[in-house]
């Protein structure tokens, strides 16, 4: 099984479920984020990171209904670890940091919080709320913090019901090439 087929299998298993209080499925959300990255002419690694930023939700067993959440699922950590075993850091690290990027933006941009969807406001509370000044400094020291912020911004926009996007197979060549880069490093 190729890495693209493995990803397609993961999305086929749980990706059609509603995206936690939003008007799109998990798969639609992922594909929209990747499409936004493409439109922005992002590097290939960032397009794939945008596509896979929420894969942690599909790997962990979390309630589909956001009202049932009592604590943060830490999907960015689950997804980041899974991706780090398969892709180089320019893919895995923005995924690992995309939730801290939301907390960072809430702490550093007074307008950002007002743009969050109601579901994102709920998860922000579970994720620890806006960063403290020392957390902001630590986040800024992360090598991929700028890329994580960009993934976060696409994440926030990728919630448009009925938007037509390419499917996961349309990203297969990019996925396989980046997976091959990691294999060269090992």
C-alpha atoms as a PDB file:
ATOM      1  CA  UNK A   1       0.000   0.000   0.000  1.00  0.00           C
ATOM      2  CA  UNK A   2       1.372   3.414  -0.912  1.00  0.00           C
ATOM      3  CA  UNK A   3       1.307   6.293   1.566  1.00  0.00           C
ATOM      4  CA  UNK A   4      -1.409   7.955  -0.525  1.00  0.00           C
ATOM      5  CA  UNK A   5      -3.526   4.793  -0.330  1.00  0.00           C
ATOM      6  CA  UNK A   6      -2.946   4.630   3.432  1.00  0.00           C
ATOM      7  CA  UNK A   7      -4.125   8.241   3.807  1.00  0.00           C
ATOM      8  CA  UNK A   8      -7.131   7.603   1.572  1.00  0.00           C
ATOM      9  CA  UNK A   9      -8.048   4.601   3.745  1.00  0.00           C
ATOM     10  CA  UNK A  10      -7.858   6.711   6.914  1.00  0.00           C
ATOM     11  CA  UNK A  11     -10.075   9.411   5.395  1.00  0.00           C
ATOM     12  CA  UNK A  12     -12.502   6.802   3.977  1.00  0.00           C
ATOM     13  CA  UNK A  13     -12.918   5.258   7.432  1.00  0.00           C
ATOM     14  CA  UNK A  14     -13.913   8.426   9.336  1.00  0.00           C
ATOM     15  CA  UNK A  15     -13.541  11.457   7.074  1.00  0.00           C
ATOM     16  CA  UNK A  16     -17.184  11.662   6.051  1.00  0.00           C
ATOM     17  CA  UNK A  17     -18.252  12.559   9.586  1.00  0.00           C
ATOM     18  CA  UNK A  18     -19.213  16.130  10.354  1.00  0.00           C
ATOM     19  CA  UNK A  19     -16.329  18.411  11.205  1.00  0.00           C
ATOM     20  CA  UNK A  20     -17.155  19.133  14.863  1.00  0.00           C
ATOM     21  CA  UNK A  21     -19.939  21.678  14.635  1.00  0.00           C
ATOM     22  CA  UNK A  22     -19.021  23.043  11.199  1.00  0.00           C
ATOM     23  CA  UNK A  23     -21.010  22.728   7.955  1.00  0.00           C
ATOM     24  CA  UNK A  24     -18.474  20.418   6.278  1.00  0.00           C
ATOM     25  CA  UNK A  25     -17.099  16.922   6.759  1.00  0.00           C
ATOM     26  CA  UNK A  26     -13.579  16.287   8.015  1.00  0.00           C
ATOM     27  CA  UNK A  27     -12.548  15.336   4.465  1.00  0.00           C
ATOM     28  CA  UNK A  28     -14.123  18.430   2.919  1.00  0.00           C
ATOM     29  CA  UNK A  29     -12.353  20.587   5.505  1.00  0.00           C
ATOM     30  CA  UNK A  30      -8.974  18.981   4.736  1.00  0.00           C
ATOM     31  CA  UNK A  31      -9.417  19.304   0.977  1.00  0.00           C
ATOM     32  CA  UNK A  32     -10.476  22.943   1.296  1.00  0.00           C
ATOM     33  CA  UNK A  33      -7.428  23.770   3.421  1.00  0.00           C
ATOM     34  CA  UNK A  34      -5.151  22.142   0.828  1.00  0.00           C
ATOM     35  CA  UNK A  35      -6.876  24.009  -1.992  1.00  0.00           C
ATOM     36  CA  UNK A  36      -6.399  27.313  -0.162  1.00  0.00           C
ATOM     37  CA  UNK A  37      -2.703  26.481   0.187  1.00  0.00           C
ATOM     38  CA  UNK A  38      -2.495  25.775  -3.547  1.00  0.00           C
ATOM     39  CA  UNK A  39      -4.250  29.039  -4.400  1.00  0.00           C
ATOM     40  CA  UNK A  40      -1.692  30.847  -2.219  1.00  0.00           C
ATOM     41  CA  UNK A  41       1.104  29.145  -4.212  1.00  0.00           C
ATOM     42  CA  UNK A  42       2.431  27.562  -1.025  1.00  0.00           C
ATOM     43  CA  UNK A  43       5.357  25.131  -1.213  1.00  0.00           C
ATOM     44  CA  UNK A  44       4.358  21.511  -1.775  1.00  0.00           C
ATOM     45  CA  UNK A  45       5.158  20.529   1.821  1.00  0.00           C
ATOM     46  CA  UNK A  46       2.790  23.191   3.123  1.00  0.00           C
ATOM     47  CA  UNK A  47       0.013  22.103   0.750  1.00  0.00           C
ATOM     48  CA  UNK A  48       0.341  18.547   2.092  1.00  0.00           C
ATOM     49  CA  UNK A  49       0.505  19.857   5.680  1.00  0.00           C
ATOM     50  CA  UNK A  50      -2.721  21.780   5.058  1.00  0.00           C
ATOM     51  CA  UNK A  51      -4.328  18.643   3.620  1.00  0.00           C
ATOM     52  CA  UNK A  52      -3.283  16.506   6.590  1.00  0.00           C
ATOM     53  CA  UNK A  53      -3.450  19.054   9.423  1.00  0.00           C
ATOM     54  CA  UNK A  54      -6.367  17.293  11.117  1.00  0.00           C
ATOM     55  CA  UNK A  55      -5.388  13.681  10.445  1.00  0.00           C
ATOM     56  CA  UNK A  56      -4.992  13.291  14.210  1.00  0.00           C
ATOM     57  CA  UNK A  57      -8.784  13.565  14.526  1.00  0.00           C
ATOM     58  CA  UNK A  58      -9.092  10.541  12.235  1.00  0.00           C
ATOM     59  CA  UNK A  59      -6.442   8.496  14.031  1.00  0.00           C
ATOM     60  CA  UNK A  60      -7.798   8.966  17.567  1.00  0.00           C
ATOM     61  CA  UNK A  61     -11.169   7.919  18.869  1.00  0.00           C
ATOM     62  CA  UNK A  62     -12.900  11.187  19.794  1.00  0.00           C
ATOM     63  CA  UNK A  63     -16.598  11.984  20.119  1.00  0.00           C
ATOM     64  CA  UNK A  64     -18.146  13.338  16.914  1.00  0.00           C
ATOM     65  CA  UNK A  65     -20.307  15.764  18.909  1.00  0.00           C
ATOM     66  CA  UNK A  66     -18.293  18.706  20.223  1.00  0.00           C
ATOM     67  CA  UNK A  67     -20.666  19.027  23.183  1.00  0.00           C
ATOM     68  CA  UNK A  68     -19.372  15.670  24.456  1.00  0.00           C
ATOM     69  CA  UNK A  69     -15.770  16.903  24.645  1.00  0.00           C
ATOM     70  CA  UNK A  70     -14.532  17.386  28.214  1.00  0.00           C
ATOM     71  CA  UNK A  71     -10.866  17.863  27.346  1.00  0.00           C
ATOM     72  CA  UNK A  72      -8.761  18.636  24.309  1.00  0.00           C
ATOM     73  CA  UNK A  73      -8.107  15.648  22.054  1.00  0.00           C
ATOM     74  CA  UNK A  74      -4.564  16.894  21.270  1.00  0.00           C
ATOM     75  CA  UNK A  75      -5.095  15.879  17.653  1.00  0.00           C
ATOM     76  CA  UNK A  76      -2.172  18.058  16.564  1.00  0.00           C
ATOM     77  CA  UNK A  77       0.208  15.921  18.626  1.00  0.00           C
ATOM     78  CA  UNK A  78      -1.290  12.633  17.405  1.00  0.00           C
ATOM     79  CA  UNK A  79      -1.216  13.803  13.811  1.00  0.00           C
ATOM     80  CA  UNK A  80       2.227  15.360  14.119  1.00  0.00           C
ATOM     81  CA  UNK A  81       3.707  12.112  15.458  1.00  0.00           C
ATOM     82  CA  UNK A  82       2.036  10.032  12.764  1.00  0.00           C
ATOM     83  CA  UNK A  83       3.243  12.383  10.040  1.00  0.00           C
ATOM     84  CA  UNK A  84       6.787  12.642  11.465  1.00  0.00           C
ATOM     85  CA  UNK A  85       7.158   8.881  10.953  1.00  0.00           C
ATOM     86  CA  UNK A  86       6.207   9.258   7.283  1.00  0.00           C
ATOM     87  CA  UNK A  87       7.148  12.768   6.121  1.00  0.00           C
ATOM     88  CA  UNK A  88       9.945  15.302   6.610  1.00  0.00           C
ATOM     89  CA  UNK A  89       9.592  18.147   9.154  1.00  0.00           C
ATOM     90  CA  UNK A  90       8.199  20.716   6.663  1.00  0.00           C
ATOM     91  CA  UNK A  91       5.016  18.581   6.596  1.00  0.00           C
ATOM     92  CA  UNK A  92       4.851  17.239  10.156  1.00  0.00           C
ATOM     93  CA  UNK A  93       5.898  20.317  12.129  1.00  0.00           C
ATOM     94  CA  UNK A  94       3.254  22.789  10.886  1.00  0.00           C
ATOM     95  CA  UNK A  95       0.647  20.129  11.717  1.00  0.00           C
ATOM     96  CA  UNK A  96       2.066  19.641  15.213  1.00  0.00           C
ATOM     97  CA  UNK A  97       1.997  23.405  15.734  1.00  0.00           C
ATOM     98  CA  UNK A  98      -1.325  24.395  14.141  1.00  0.00           C
ATOM     99  CA  UNK A  99      -3.269  24.352  17.442  1.00  0.00           C
ATOM    100  CA  UNK A 100      -0.603  26.373  19.265  1.00  0.00           C
ATOM    101  CA  UNK A 101      -0.790  28.727  16.253  1.00  0.00           C
ATOM    102  CA  UNK A 102      -4.464  29.388  17.062  1.00  0.00           C
ATOM    103  CA  UNK A 103      -3.571  30.143  20.669  1.00  0.00           C
ATOM    104  CA  UNK A 104      -0.692  32.349  19.445  1.00  0.00           C
ATOM    105  CA  UNK A 105      -2.920  34.316  17.081  1.00  0.00           C
ATOM    106  CA  UNK A 106      -5.502  34.846  19.821  1.00  0.00           C
ATOM    107  CA  UNK A 107      -2.751  36.257  22.048  1.00  0.00           C
ATOM    108  CA  UNK A 108      -1.092  38.474  19.429  1.00  0.00           C
ATOM    109  CA  UNK A 109      -3.875  39.622  17.079  1.00  0.00           C
ATOM    110  CA  UNK A 110      -6.903  41.268  18.743  1.00  0.00           C
ATOM    111  CA  UNK A 111      -8.983  40.809  15.563  1.00  0.00           C
ATOM    112  CA  UNK A 112      -8.265  37.102  15.180  1.00  0.00           C
ATOM    113  CA  UNK A 113     -10.517  35.825  17.967  1.00  0.00           C
ATOM    114  CA  UNK A 114     -13.494  37.608  16.390  1.00  0.00           C
ATOM    115  CA  UNK A 115     -13.010  35.545  13.213  1.00  0.00           C
ATOM    116  CA  UNK A 116     -13.168  32.150  14.954  1.00  0.00           C
ATOM    117  CA  UNK A 117     -16.182  29.960  14.327  1.00  0.00           C
ATOM    118  CA  UNK A 118     -18.292  29.042  17.375  1.00  0.00           C
ATOM    119  CA  UNK A 119     -16.796  25.517  17.335  1.00  0.00           C
ATOM    120  CA  UNK A 120     -13.254  26.955  17.281  1.00  0.00           C
ATOM    121  CA  UNK A 121     -14.097  29.123  20.288  1.00  0.00           C
ATOM    122  CA  UNK A 122     -15.180  26.009  22.200  1.00  0.00           C
ATOM    123  CA  UNK A 123     -12.011  24.100  21.310  1.00  0.00           C
ATOM    124  CA  UNK A 124      -9.846  27.138  22.126  1.00  0.00           C
ATOM    125  CA  UNK A 125     -11.038  26.926  25.717  1.00  0.00           C
ATOM    126  CA  UNK A 126     -10.210  23.214  25.847  1.00  0.00           C
ATOM    127  CA  UNK A 127      -6.802  23.893  24.293  1.00  0.00           C
ATOM    128  CA  UNK A 128      -5.765  26.384  26.982  1.00  0.00           C
ATOM    129  CA  UNK A 129      -7.002  29.700  25.603  1.00  0.00           C
ATOM    130  CA  UNK A 130      -4.723  32.444  24.302  1.00  0.00           C
ATOM    131  CA  UNK A 131      -1.010  31.966  24.960  1.00  0.00           C
ATOM    132  CA  UNK A 132       0.758  33.701  27.800  1.00  0.00           C
ATOM    133  CA  UNK A 133       3.662  36.014  26.884  1.00  0.00           C
ATOM    134  CA  UNK A 134       6.214  33.303  27.699  1.00  0.00           C
ATOM    135  CA  UNK A 135       4.297  30.779  25.553  1.00  0.00           C
ATOM    136  CA  UNK A 136       4.286  33.324  22.709  1.00  0.00           C
ATOM    137  CA  UNK A 137       8.075  33.600  22.973  1.00  0.00           C
ATOM    138  CA  UNK A 138       8.495  29.799  22.944  1.00  0.00           C
ATOM    139  CA  UNK A 139       6.169  29.495  19.959  1.00  0.00           C
ATOM    140  CA  UNK A 140       8.084  32.131  18.005  1.00  0.00           C
ATOM    141  CA  UNK A 141      11.270  30.127  18.663  1.00  0.00           C
ATOM    142  CA  UNK A 142       9.827  27.068  16.890  1.00  0.00           C
ATOM    143  CA  UNK A 143      11.470  26.684  13.449  1.00  0.00           C
ATOM    144  CA  UNK A 144       8.115  26.100  11.689  1.00  0.00           C
ATOM    145  CA  UNK A 145       5.950  28.596  13.569  1.00  0.00           C
ATOM    146  CA  UNK A 146       5.302  30.803  10.521  1.00  0.00           C
ATOM    147  CA  UNK A 147       4.198  27.818   8.456  1.00  0.00           C
ATOM    148  CA  UNK A 148       1.960  26.667  11.307  1.00  0.00           C
ATOM    149  CA  UNK A 149       0.298  30.089  11.428  1.00  0.00           C
ATOM    150  CA  UNK A 150      -0.374  29.864   7.701  1.00  0.00           C
ATOM    151  CA  UNK A 151      -1.873  26.367   8.049  1.00  0.00           C
ATOM    152  CA  UNK A 152      -4.003  27.718  10.897  1.00  0.00           C
ATOM    153  CA  UNK A 153      -5.348  30.555   8.757  1.00  0.00           C
ATOM    154  CA  UNK A 154      -6.273  28.138   5.967  1.00  0.00           C
ATOM    155  CA  UNK A 155      -7.813  25.864   8.608  1.00  0.00           C
ATOM    156  CA  UNK A 156     -10.054  28.731   9.747  1.00  0.00           C
ATOM    157  CA  UNK A 157     -11.221  29.451   6.189  1.00  0.00           C
ATOM    158  CA  UNK A 158     -11.775  25.835   5.132  1.00  0.00           C
ATOM    159  CA  UNK A 159     -15.360  25.500   6.315  1.00  0.00           C
ATOM    160  CA  UNK A 160     -17.438  26.333   3.232  1.00  0.00           C
ATOM    161  CA  UNK A 161     -20.363  23.978   2.671  1.00  0.00           C
ATOM    162  CA  UNK A 162     -20.606  22.673  -0.887  1.00  0.00           C
ATOM    163  CA  UNK A 163     -17.244  23.968  -2.124  1.00  0.00           C
ATOM    164  CA  UNK A 164     -15.851  21.789  -4.931  1.00  0.00           C
ATOM    165  CA  UNK A 165     -12.193  20.740  -4.502  1.00  0.00           C
ATOM    166  CA  UNK A 166      -9.833  18.131  -5.926  1.00  0.00           C
ATOM    167  CA  UNK A 167      -9.962  14.801  -4.092  1.00  0.00           C
ATOM    168  CA  UNK A 168      -7.124  13.272  -2.074  1.00  0.00           C
ATOM    169  CA  UNK A 169      -5.890  11.305  -5.080  1.00  0.00           C
ATOM    170  CA  UNK A 170      -5.256  14.652  -6.772  1.00  0.00           C
ATOM    171  CA  UNK A 171      -2.500  15.234  -4.219  1.00  0.00           C
ATOM    172  CA  UNK A 172      -1.024  11.746  -4.631  1.00  0.00           C
ATOM    173  CA  UNK A 173       2.101  12.757  -6.554  1.00  0.00           C
ATOM    174  CA  UNK A 174       2.911  15.448  -3.976  1.00  0.00           C
ATOM    175  CA  UNK A 175       2.284  13.065  -1.077  1.00  0.00           C
ATOM    176  CA  UNK A 176       4.459  10.322  -2.604  1.00  0.00           C
ATOM    177  CA  UNK A 177       7.301  12.727  -3.425  1.00  0.00           C
ATOM    178  CA  UNK A 178       7.405  14.101   0.117  1.00  0.00           C
ATOM    179  CA  UNK A 179       7.201  10.618   1.614  1.00  0.00           C
ATOM    180  CA  UNK A 180      10.139   9.673  -0.587  1.00  0.00           C
ATOM    181  CA  UNK A 181      12.132  12.615   0.816  1.00  0.00           C
ATOM    182  CA  UNK A 182      11.856  11.169   4.316  1.00  0.00           C
ATOM    183  CA  UNK A 183      12.975   7.751   3.106  1.00  0.00           C
ATOM    184  CA  UNK A 184      16.114   9.381   1.636  1.00  0.00           C
ATOM    185  CA  UNK A 185      16.890  10.900   5.045  1.00  0.00           C
ATOM    186  CA  UNK A 186      16.629   7.576   6.900  1.00  0.00           C
END
